[in-house]
C-alpha atoms as a PDB file:
ATOM      1  CA  MET A   1      26.168  59.654 -47.674  1.00  0.00           C
ATOM      2  CA  SER A   2      24.038  62.192 -45.824  1.00  0.00           C
ATOM      3  CA  GLY A   3      21.066  61.146 -43.720  1.00  0.00           C
ATOM      4  CA  LYS A   4      18.657  63.023 -45.986  1.00  0.00           C
ATOM      5  CA  ARG A   5      19.905  61.168 -49.060  1.00  0.00           C
ATOM      6  CA  GLU A   6      19.731  57.809 -47.286  1.00  0.00           C
ATOM      7  CA  TYR A   7      16.172  58.628 -46.258  1.00  0.00           C
ATOM      8  CA  SER A   8      15.140  59.449 -49.838  1.00  0.00           C
ATOM      9  CA  TYR A   9      16.799  56.353 -51.294  1.00  0.00           C
ATOM     10  CA  ALA A  10      15.207  54.047 -48.716  1.00  0.00           C
ATOM     11  CA  LEU A  11      11.721  55.397 -49.408  1.00  0.00           C
ATOM     12  CA  LEU A  12      12.247  55.154 -53.164  1.00  0.00           C
ATOM     13  CA  ILE A  13      13.620  51.608 -53.040  1.00  0.00           C
ATOM     14  CA  GLY A  14      10.851  50.430 -50.738  1.00  0.00           C
ATOM     15  CA  ALA A  15       8.100  51.986 -52.866  1.00  0.00           C
ATOM     16  CA  VAL A  16       9.502  50.548 -56.106  1.00  0.00           C
ATOM     17  CA  GLY A  17       9.827  47.100 -54.545  1.00  0.00           C
ATOM     18  CA  ALA A  18       6.263  47.109 -53.193  1.00  0.00           C
ATOM     19  CA  LEU A  19       4.823  48.287 -56.524  1.00  0.00           C
ATOM     20  CA  VAL A  20       6.767  45.637 -58.422  1.00  0.00           C
ATOM     21  CA  VAL A  21       5.321  42.948 -56.151  1.00  0.00           C
ATOM     22  CA  LEU A  22       1.777  44.259 -56.597  1.00  0.00           C
ATOM     23  CA  PHE A  23       2.138  44.476 -60.381  1.00  0.00           C
ATOM     24  CA  ALA A  24       3.774  41.070 -60.842  1.00  0.00           C
ATOM     25  CA  VAL A  25       1.209  39.080 -58.849  1.00  0.00           C
ATOM     26  CA  ARG A  26      -1.582  40.366 -61.100  1.00  0.00           C
ATOM     27  CA  GLU A  27      -0.100  38.656 -64.148  1.00  0.00           C
ATOM     28  CA  GLN A  28      -0.673  35.095 -65.374  1.00  0.00           C
ATOM     29  CA  TRP A  29       1.754  32.695 -63.769  1.00  0.00           C
ATOM     30  CA  ALA A  30       0.542  29.314 -64.988  1.00  0.00           C
ATOM     31  CA  GLN A  31      -2.028  27.335 -66.933  1.00  0.00           C
ATOM     32  CA  ALA A  32      -3.707  24.178 -65.762  1.00  0.00           C
ATOM     33  CA  VAL A  33      -4.747  21.748 -68.510  1.00  0.00           C
ATOM     34  CA  PHE A  34      -7.231  19.059 -67.590  1.00  0.00           C
ATOM     35  CA  THR A  35      -7.789  16.157 -70.041  1.00  0.00           C
ATOM     36  CA  PRO A  36     -10.832  14.162 -68.971  1.00  0.00           C
ATOM     37  CA  GLN A  37     -12.138  11.039 -70.629  1.00  0.00           C
ATOM     38  CA  LYS A  38     -14.142  11.359 -73.824  1.00  0.00           C
ATOM     39  CA  PRO A  39     -16.590  12.787 -74.721  1.00  0.00           C
ATOM     40  CA  LEU A  40     -15.501  15.613 -72.349  1.00  0.00           C
ATOM     41  CA  THR A  41     -13.197  18.217 -73.891  1.00  0.00           C
ATOM     42  CA  THR A  42      -9.857  19.430 -72.595  1.00  0.00           C
ATOM     43  CA  GLU A  43     -10.157  22.339 -70.192  1.00  0.00           C
ATOM     44  CA  VAL A  44      -7.502  25.040 -69.805  1.00  0.00           C
ATOM     45  CA  VAL A  45      -7.536  27.344 -66.765  1.00  0.00           C
ATOM     46  CA  ASN A  46      -5.348  30.429 -66.396  1.00  0.00           C
ATOM     47  CA  VAL A  47      -3.883  30.995 -62.936  1.00  0.00           C
ATOM     48  CA  SER A  48      -2.478  34.343 -61.795  1.00  0.00           C
ATOM     49  CA  GLY A  49       0.052  35.112 -59.137  1.00  0.00           C
ATOM     50  CA  THR A  50      -2.711  36.419 -56.868  1.00  0.00           C
ATOM     51  CA  ASP A  51      -4.444  33.053 -57.165  1.00  0.00           C
ATOM     52  CA  LEU A  52      -1.299  31.185 -56.162  1.00  0.00           C
ATOM     53  CA  VAL A  53       0.227  33.513 -53.555  1.00  0.00           C
ATOM     54  CA  PRO A  54      -2.381  35.999 -52.275  1.00  0.00           C
ATOM     55  CA  LEU A  55      -0.127  36.593 -49.289  1.00  0.00           C
ATOM     56  CA  ALA A  56       2.492  38.267 -51.502  1.00  0.00           C
ATOM     57  CA  GLY A  57       0.022  40.881 -52.727  1.00  0.00           C
ATOM     58  CA  GLY A  58      -1.198  41.547 -49.214  1.00  0.00           C
ATOM     59  CA  LEU A  59       2.342  42.035 -47.964  1.00  0.00           C
ATOM     60  CA  GLY A  60       3.015  44.424 -50.846  1.00  0.00           C
ATOM     61  CA  LEU A  61       0.143  46.622 -49.699  1.00  0.00           C
ATOM     62  CA  ALA A  62       1.355  46.357 -46.110  1.00  0.00           C
ATOM     63  CA  ALA A  63       4.814  47.491 -47.244  1.00  0.00           C
ATOM     64  CA  LEU A  64       3.359  50.655 -48.794  1.00  0.00           C
ATOM     65  CA  ALA A  65       1.525  51.389 -45.545  1.00  0.00           C
ATOM     66  CA  ALA A  66       4.760  50.822 -43.596  1.00  0.00           C
ATOM     67  CA  LEU A  67       6.568  53.355 -45.794  1.00  0.00           C
ATOM     68  CA  VAL A  68       3.963  55.942 -44.825  1.00  0.00           C
ATOM     69  CA  GLY A  69       4.689  54.983 -41.233  1.00  0.00           C
ATOM     70  CA  VAL A  70       8.401  55.617 -41.796  1.00  0.00           C
ATOM     71  CA  ILE A  71       7.603  59.153 -42.931  1.00  0.00           C
ATOM     72  CA  ALA A  72       5.275  59.866 -40.007  1.00  0.00           C
ATOM     73  CA  THR A  73       7.410  58.462 -37.181  1.00  0.00           C
ATOM     74  CA  ARG A  74      10.799  59.069 -35.601  1.00  0.00           C
ATOM     75  CA  GLY A  75      13.230  57.536 -33.149  1.00  0.00           C
ATOM     76  CA  TRP A  76      12.664  53.998 -31.916  1.00  0.00           C
ATOM     77  CA  VAL A  77       9.139  53.903 -33.391  1.00  0.00           C
ATOM     78  CA  ARG A  78      10.570  54.450 -36.861  1.00  0.00           C
ATOM     79  CA  ARG A  79      13.094  51.682 -36.277  1.00  0.00           C
ATOM     80  CA  ALA A  80      10.300  49.320 -35.255  1.00  0.00           C
ATOM     81  CA  VAL A  81       8.409  50.177 -38.454  1.00  0.00           C
ATOM     82  CA  GLY A  82      11.605  49.392 -40.371  1.00  0.00           C
ATOM     83  CA  VAL A  83      11.721  45.932 -38.815  1.00  0.00           C
ATOM     84  CA  LEU A  84       8.124  45.333 -39.884  1.00  0.00           C
ATOM     85  CA  LEU A  85       8.950  46.511 -43.398  1.00  0.00           C
ATOM     86  CA  ALA A  86      11.834  44.045 -43.610  1.00  0.00           C
ATOM     87  CA  LEU A  87       9.557  41.245 -42.413  1.00  0.00           C
ATOM     88  CA  PHE A  88       6.993  42.118 -45.091  1.00  0.00           C
ATOM     89  CA  GLY A  89       9.642  41.833 -47.790  1.00  0.00           C
ATOM     90  CA  ALA A  90      10.988  38.555 -46.439  1.00  0.00           C
ATOM     91  CA  GLY A  91       7.479  37.130 -46.162  1.00  0.00           C
ATOM     92  CA  ALA A  92       6.582  37.993 -49.754  1.00  0.00           C
ATOM     93  CA  GLY A  93       9.724  36.320 -51.072  1.00  0.00           C
ATOM     94  CA  ALA A  94       9.249  33.231 -48.929  1.00  0.00           C
ATOM     95  CA  ALA A  95       5.623  32.885 -50.056  1.00  0.00           C
ATOM     96  CA  VAL A  96       6.666  32.774 -53.710  1.00  0.00           C
ATOM     97  CA  LEU A  97       9.454  30.283 -53.112  1.00  0.00           C
ATOM     98  CA  THR A  98       7.297  27.856 -51.132  1.00  0.00           C
ATOM     99  CA  SER A  99       3.817  28.154 -52.651  1.00  0.00           C
ATOM    100  CA  VAL A 100       4.293  28.015 -56.420  1.00  0.00           C
ATOM    101  CA  THR A 101       4.234  24.329 -57.328  1.00  0.00           C
ATOM    102  CA  ALA A 102       2.474  22.202 -59.942  1.00  0.00           C
ATOM    103  CA  LYS A 103       0.224  20.709 -57.290  1.00  0.00           C
ATOM    104  CA  THR A 104      -0.791  24.172 -56.121  1.00  0.00           C
ATOM    105  CA  VAL A 105      -1.544  25.277 -59.684  1.00  0.00           C
ATOM    106  CA  LEU A 106      -3.794  22.258 -60.322  1.00  0.00           C
ATOM    107  CA  SER A 107      -5.575  22.671 -57.000  1.00  0.00           C
ATOM    108  CA  VAL A 108      -6.222  26.390 -57.516  1.00  0.00           C
ATOM    109  CA  ALA A 109      -7.369  25.827 -61.100  1.00  0.00           C
ATOM    110  CA  ALA A 110      -9.767  23.073 -60.023  1.00  0.00           C
ATOM    111  CA  GLY A 111     -11.244  25.420 -57.457  1.00  0.00           C
ATOM    112  CA  LYS A 112     -11.716  28.137 -60.092  1.00  0.00           C
ATOM    113  CA  VAL A 113     -13.465  25.740 -62.500  1.00  0.00           C
ATOM    114  CA  ALA A 114     -15.507  24.195 -59.677  1.00  0.00           C
ATOM    115  CA  SER A 115     -16.216  21.014 -61.627  1.00  0.00           C
ATOM    116  CA  PRO A 116     -16.098  17.494 -60.127  1.00  0.00           C
ATOM    117  CA  GLU A 117     -14.047  16.189 -63.030  1.00  0.00           C
ATOM    118  CA  SER A 118     -11.377  18.878 -62.592  1.00  0.00           C
ATOM    119  CA  ALA A 119     -11.258  18.367 -58.857  1.00  0.00           C
ATOM    120  CA  ALA A 120     -10.810  14.633 -59.338  1.00  0.00           C
ATOM    121  CA  LEU A 121      -8.087  15.134 -61.932  1.00  0.00           C
ATOM    122  CA  SER A 122      -6.210  17.608 -59.748  1.00  0.00           C
ATOM    123  CA  GLY A 123      -6.216  15.094 -56.937  1.00  0.00           C
ATOM    124  CA  THR A 124      -4.859  12.259 -59.100  1.00  0.00           C
ATOM    125  CA  ALA A 125      -1.809  14.105 -60.380  1.00  0.00           C
ATOM    126  CA  GLY A 126       1.136  11.758 -59.894  1.00  0.00           C
ATOM    127  CA  SER A 127       4.842  12.235 -60.435  1.00  0.00           C
ATOM    128  CA  THR A 128       5.793  15.274 -62.467  1.00  0.00           C
ATOM    129  CA  THR A 129       8.397  15.910 -65.103  1.00  0.00           C
ATOM    130  CA  GLY A 130       9.652  19.140 -66.612  1.00  0.00           C
ATOM    131  CA  GLY A 131       9.582  20.063 -70.266  1.00  0.00           C
ATOM    132  CA  SER A 132       8.698  22.894 -72.614  1.00  0.00           C
ATOM    133  CA  SER A 133       5.580  23.851 -74.494  1.00  0.00           C
ATOM    134  CA  GLY A 134       6.324  26.709 -76.853  1.00  0.00           C
ATOM    135  CA  GLY A 135       8.488  29.691 -75.955  1.00  0.00           C
ATOM    136  CA  SER A 136       9.900  29.616 -72.459  1.00  0.00           C
ATOM    137  CA  ALA A 137       6.967  27.831 -70.819  1.00  0.00           C
ATOM    138  CA  VAL A 138       7.772  24.856 -68.622  1.00  0.00           C
ATOM    139  CA  VAL A 139       5.270  21.991 -68.694  1.00  0.00           C
ATOM    140  CA  VAL A 140       4.847  19.795 -65.657  1.00  0.00           C
ATOM    141  CA  THR A 141       2.810  16.722 -66.601  1.00  0.00           C
ATOM    142  CA  GLY A 142       0.779  14.411 -64.428  1.00  0.00           C
ATOM    143  CA  SER A 143      -1.234  11.240 -64.980  1.00  0.00           C
ATOM    144  CA  ALA A 144      -4.449  13.067 -65.939  1.00  0.00           C
ATOM    145  CA  GLY A 145      -3.677  16.792 -65.898  1.00  0.00           C
ATOM    146  CA  HIS A 146      -0.687  19.026 -66.150  1.00  0.00           C
ATOM    147  CA  ALA A 147       0.380  22.548 -65.262  1.00  0.00           C
ATOM    148  CA  ILE A 148       2.181  24.885 -67.645  1.00  0.00           C
ATOM    149  CA  MET A 149       4.345  27.244 -65.617  1.00  0.00           C
ATOM    150  CA  THR A 150       4.473  30.428 -67.695  1.00  0.00           C
ATOM    151  CA  GLY A 151       5.109  32.923 -64.908  1.00  0.00           C
ATOM    152  CA  THR A 152       8.778  32.355 -64.127  1.00  0.00           C
ATOM    153  CA  PRO A 153       9.721  35.967 -65.040  1.00  0.00           C
ATOM    154  CA  TRP A 154       6.935  37.307 -62.820  1.00  0.00           C
ATOM    155  CA  GLN A 155       8.054  35.129 -59.936  1.00  0.00           C
ATOM    156  CA  ALA A 156      11.544  36.547 -60.335  1.00  0.00           C
ATOM    157  CA  ALA A 157      10.083  40.075 -60.357  1.00  0.00           C
ATOM    158  CA  VAL A 158       8.303  39.407 -57.066  1.00  0.00           C
ATOM    159  CA  LEU A 159      11.525  38.109 -55.536  1.00  0.00           C
ATOM    160  CA  ILE A 160      13.400  41.231 -56.672  1.00  0.00           C
ATOM    161  CA  GLY A 161      10.655  43.510 -55.333  1.00  0.00           C
ATOM    162  CA  ALA A 162      10.596  41.645 -52.040  1.00  0.00           C
ATOM    163  CA  LEU A 163      14.370  42.024 -51.774  1.00  0.00           C
ATOM    164  CA  LEU A 164      14.083  45.793 -52.318  1.00  0.00           C
ATOM    165  CA  VAL A 165      11.424  46.062 -49.621  1.00  0.00           C
ATOM    166  CA  PHE A 166      13.592  44.022 -47.270  1.00  0.00           C
ATOM    167  CA  ALA A 167      16.594  46.274 -47.949  1.00  0.00           C
ATOM    168  CA  ALA A 168      14.548  49.417 -47.299  1.00  0.00           C
ATOM    169  CA  GLY A 169      13.287  47.936 -44.038  1.00  0.00           C
ATOM    170  CA  MET A 170      16.750  47.011 -42.820  1.00  0.00           C
ATOM    171  CA  ALA A 171      18.109  50.454 -43.697  1.00  0.00           C
ATOM    172  CA  THR A 172      15.281  52.048 -41.727  1.00  0.00           C
ATOM    173  CA  ALA A 173      15.833  49.784 -38.737  1.00  0.00           C
ATOM    174  CA  LEU A 174      19.565  50.521 -38.648  1.00  0.00           C
ATOM    175  CA  ARG A 175      19.727  54.167 -39.699  1.00  0.00           C
ATOM    176  CA  GLY A 176      16.205  55.544 -39.323  1.00  0.00           C
ATOM    177  CA  GLN A 177      16.914  57.488 -36.142  1.00  0.00           C
ATOM    178  CA  ASP A 178      19.401  59.697 -38.034  1.00  0.00           C
ATOM    179  CA  TRP A 179      17.014  60.612 -40.853  1.00  0.00           C
ATOM    180  CA  PRO A 180      14.917  63.788 -41.173  1.00  0.00           C
ATOM    181  CA  VAL A 181      11.564  63.929 -39.407  1.00  0.00           C
ATOM    182  CA  MET A 182       8.322  65.762 -40.035  1.00  0.00           C
ATOM    183  CA  SER A 183       8.029  69.443 -39.170  1.00  0.00           C
ATOM    184  CA  ALA A 184       7.458  70.424 -35.548  1.00  0.00           C
ATOM    185  CA  ARG A 185       4.151  72.033 -36.535  1.00  0.00           C
ATOM    186  CA  TYR A 186       2.639  68.545 -36.271  1.00  0.00           C
ATOM    187  CA  ASP A 187       3.747  68.134 -32.648  1.00  0.00           C
ATOM    188  CA  ALA A 188       1.375  68.587 -29.727  1.00  0.00           C
ATOM    189  CA  PRO A 189       1.446  72.101 -28.215  1.00  0.00           C
ATOM    190  CA  GLY A 190       3.841  72.382 -25.298  1.00  0.00           C
ATOM    191  CA  GLY A 191       5.526  69.074 -26.172  1.00  0.00           C
ATOM    192  CA  GLN A 192       9.191  68.387 -26.750  1.00  0.00           C
ATOM    193  CA  ARG A 193      11.083  67.327 -29.845  1.00  0.00           C
ATOM    194  CA  ALA A 194      11.904  63.639 -29.645  1.00  0.00           C
ATOM    195  CA  GLY A 195      15.559  62.958 -28.971  1.00  0.00           C
ATOM    196  CA  THR A 196      16.496  66.638 -28.448  1.00  0.00           C
ATOM    197  CA  GLY A 197      14.897  67.571 -25.136  1.00  0.00           C
ATOM    198  CA  ARG A 198      14.085  71.057 -26.488  1.00  0.00           C
ATOM    199  CA  PRO A 199      10.571  72.421 -25.836  1.00  0.00           C
ATOM    200  CA  ALA A 200       8.379  72.879 -28.850  1.00  0.00           C
ATOM    201  CA  ARG A 201       7.343  76.392 -29.885  1.00  0.00           C
ATOM    202  CA  ALA A 202       4.736  77.652 -27.407  1.00  0.00           C
ATOM    203  CA  ALA A 203       2.709  79.815 -29.777  1.00  0.00           C
ATOM    204  CA  ASP A 204       1.931  79.418 -33.433  1.00  0.00           C
ATOM    205  CA  ALA A 205       0.945  82.002 -36.013  1.00  0.00           C
ATOM    206  CA  ALA A 206      -2.727  81.954 -34.997  1.00  0.00           C
ATOM    207  CA  THR A 207      -1.867  82.717 -31.364  1.00  0.00           C
ATOM    208  CA  MET A 208       0.360  85.615 -32.429  1.00  0.00           C
ATOM    209  CA  TRP A 209      -2.424  87.122 -34.523  1.00  0.00           C
ATOM    210  CA  GLU A 210      -4.831  86.848 -31.600  1.00  0.00           C
ATOM    211  CA  SER A 211      -2.327  88.690 -29.398  1.00  0.00           C
ATOM    212  CA  LEU A 212      -1.941  91.468 -31.959  1.00  0.00           C
ATOM    213  CA  ASN A 213      -5.696  91.849 -32.289  1.00  0.00           C
ATOM    214  CA  GLY A 214      -5.924  92.202 -28.503  1.00  0.00           C
ATOM    215  CA  GLY A 215      -3.392  95.037 -28.511  1.00  0.00           C
ATOM    216  CA  GLU A 216      -0.582  92.929 -27.034  1.00  0.00           C
ATOM    217  CA  ASP A 217       2.949  92.478 -28.285  1.00  0.00           C
ATOM    218  CA  PRO A 218       3.501  88.681 -28.675  1.00  0.00           C
ATOM    219  CA  THR A 219       7.277  89.190 -28.759  1.00  0.00           C
ATOM    220  CA  ASP A 220       7.378  91.000 -25.429  1.00  0.00           C
ATOM    221  CA  ASP A 221       7.774  88.322 -22.781  1.00  0.00           C
ATOM    222  CA  ALA A 222       8.868  90.676 -19.992  1.00  0.00           C
ATOM    223  CA  VAL A 223       6.178  91.667 -17.535  1.00  0.00           C
ATOM    224  CA  PRO A 224       6.848  94.993 -15.806  1.00  0.00           C
ATOM    225  CA  THR A 225       6.928  94.658 -12.052  1.00  0.00           C
ATOM    226  CA  ASP A 226       7.466  98.269 -10.998  1.00  0.00           C
ATOM    227  CA  GLN A 227       5.093 100.857 -12.394  1.00  0.00           C
ATOM    228  CA  ASP A 228       4.670 104.461 -11.279  1.00  0.00           C
ATOM    229  CA  ASP A 229       1.381 105.248  -9.561  1.00  0.00           C
ATOM    230  CA  PRO A 230       0.013 108.555 -10.958  1.00  0.00           C
ATOM    231  CA  VAL A 231      -2.043 109.215  -7.784  1.00  0.00           C
ATOM    232  CA  THR A 232       1.058 108.940  -5.593  1.00  0.00           C
ATOM    233  CA  GLU A 233       2.975 111.277  -7.887  1.00  0.00           C
ATOM    234  CA  ASP A 234       0.200 113.921  -7.742  1.00  0.00           C
ATOM    235  CA  THR A 235       0.066 113.730  -3.914  1.00  0.00           C
ATOM    236  CA  ALA A 236       3.813 114.247  -3.699  1.00  0.00           C
ATOM    237  CA  ASP A 237       3.614 117.300  -5.957  1.00  0.00           C
ATOM    238  CA  VAL A 238       0.825 118.860  -3.833  1.00  0.00           C
ATOM    239  CA  THR A 239       2.824 118.259  -0.643  1.00  0.00           C
ATOM    240  CA  GLU A 240       5.887 119.912  -2.179  1.00  0.00           C
ATOM    241  CA  ASP A 241       3.879 122.951  -3.307  1.00  0.00           C
ATOM    242  CA  THR A 242       2.323 123.303   0.187  1.00  0.00           C
ATOM    243  CA  ALA A 243       5.777 123.278   1.755  1.00  0.00           C
ATOM    244  CA  ASP A 244       6.940 126.020  -0.630  1.00  0.00           C
ATOM    245  CA  VAL A 245       3.904 128.229   0.216  1.00  0.00           C
ATOM    246  CA  THR A 246       4.496 127.758   3.950  1.00  0.00           C
ATOM    247  CA  GLU A 247       8.155 128.725   3.566  1.00  0.00           C
ATOM    248  CA  ASP A 248       7.262 131.867   1.599  1.00  0.00           C
ATOM    249  CA  THR A 249       4.701 132.898   4.239  1.00  0.00           C
ATOM    250  CA  ALA A 250       7.265 132.517   7.015  1.00  0.00           C
ATOM    251  CA  ASP A 251       9.806 134.680   5.141  1.00  0.00           C
ATOM    252  CA  ALA A 252       7.205 137.427   4.618  1.00  0.00           C
ATOM    253  CA  ALA A 253       6.307 137.450   8.341  1.00  0.00           C
ATOM    254  CA  THR A 254       9.966 137.771   9.308  1.00  0.00           C
ATOM    255  CA  ARG A 255      10.486 140.846   7.088  1.00  0.00           C
ATOM    256  CA  ARG A 256       7.590 142.632   8.753  1.00  0.00           C
END
């Protein structure tokens, strides 16, 4: 596979993975159901992925920024950006695997409701058991409140997106130095192309136009060193003519 194709695939995979992460964390991942003593009514709180794992969304945004960095850099800097990209993907996946629990759902929901009863119930949740509550939802019950985990597909989507970001980062770290780079027009004047040792173009189009307007040829790099002096040439011609007149005068005197 050519370097240009690898470059395109890595950018595409990384962008898709980051967008999947950002989209999935916005969806509802769980419901917290609090059942207080009568006469209080049962309270249901929806919890999104952003509520449970805000770090995953932040790392998704960071991954998009890192992809821009991959485009704008080259050489060892690009490889370093690839390492960061891989770390962003690994961090997003690890956050989902370690942070999404029934206890976390109840705690986050209690904070959203901001009621003393909910906070007390979330703190008294005891041992949990798994079950189902309509469709594919998994119910985790506690002594006074329970969490309904409805976001399993979205958690899987975040893991897949994080894996894609990680793969794009590793590909950049390992192969990024062989991929295409931005045009040399973005380099500093008089600089050198990274990794090639060749000097950058000394003059751009604007400089050439300025030279043309000034009556100079921008393509003519040679500077003449020897130029004829018109005054010297005229003096030599006068001297030669004087010598001819003197010679003619001498011939005429001899004939007489």
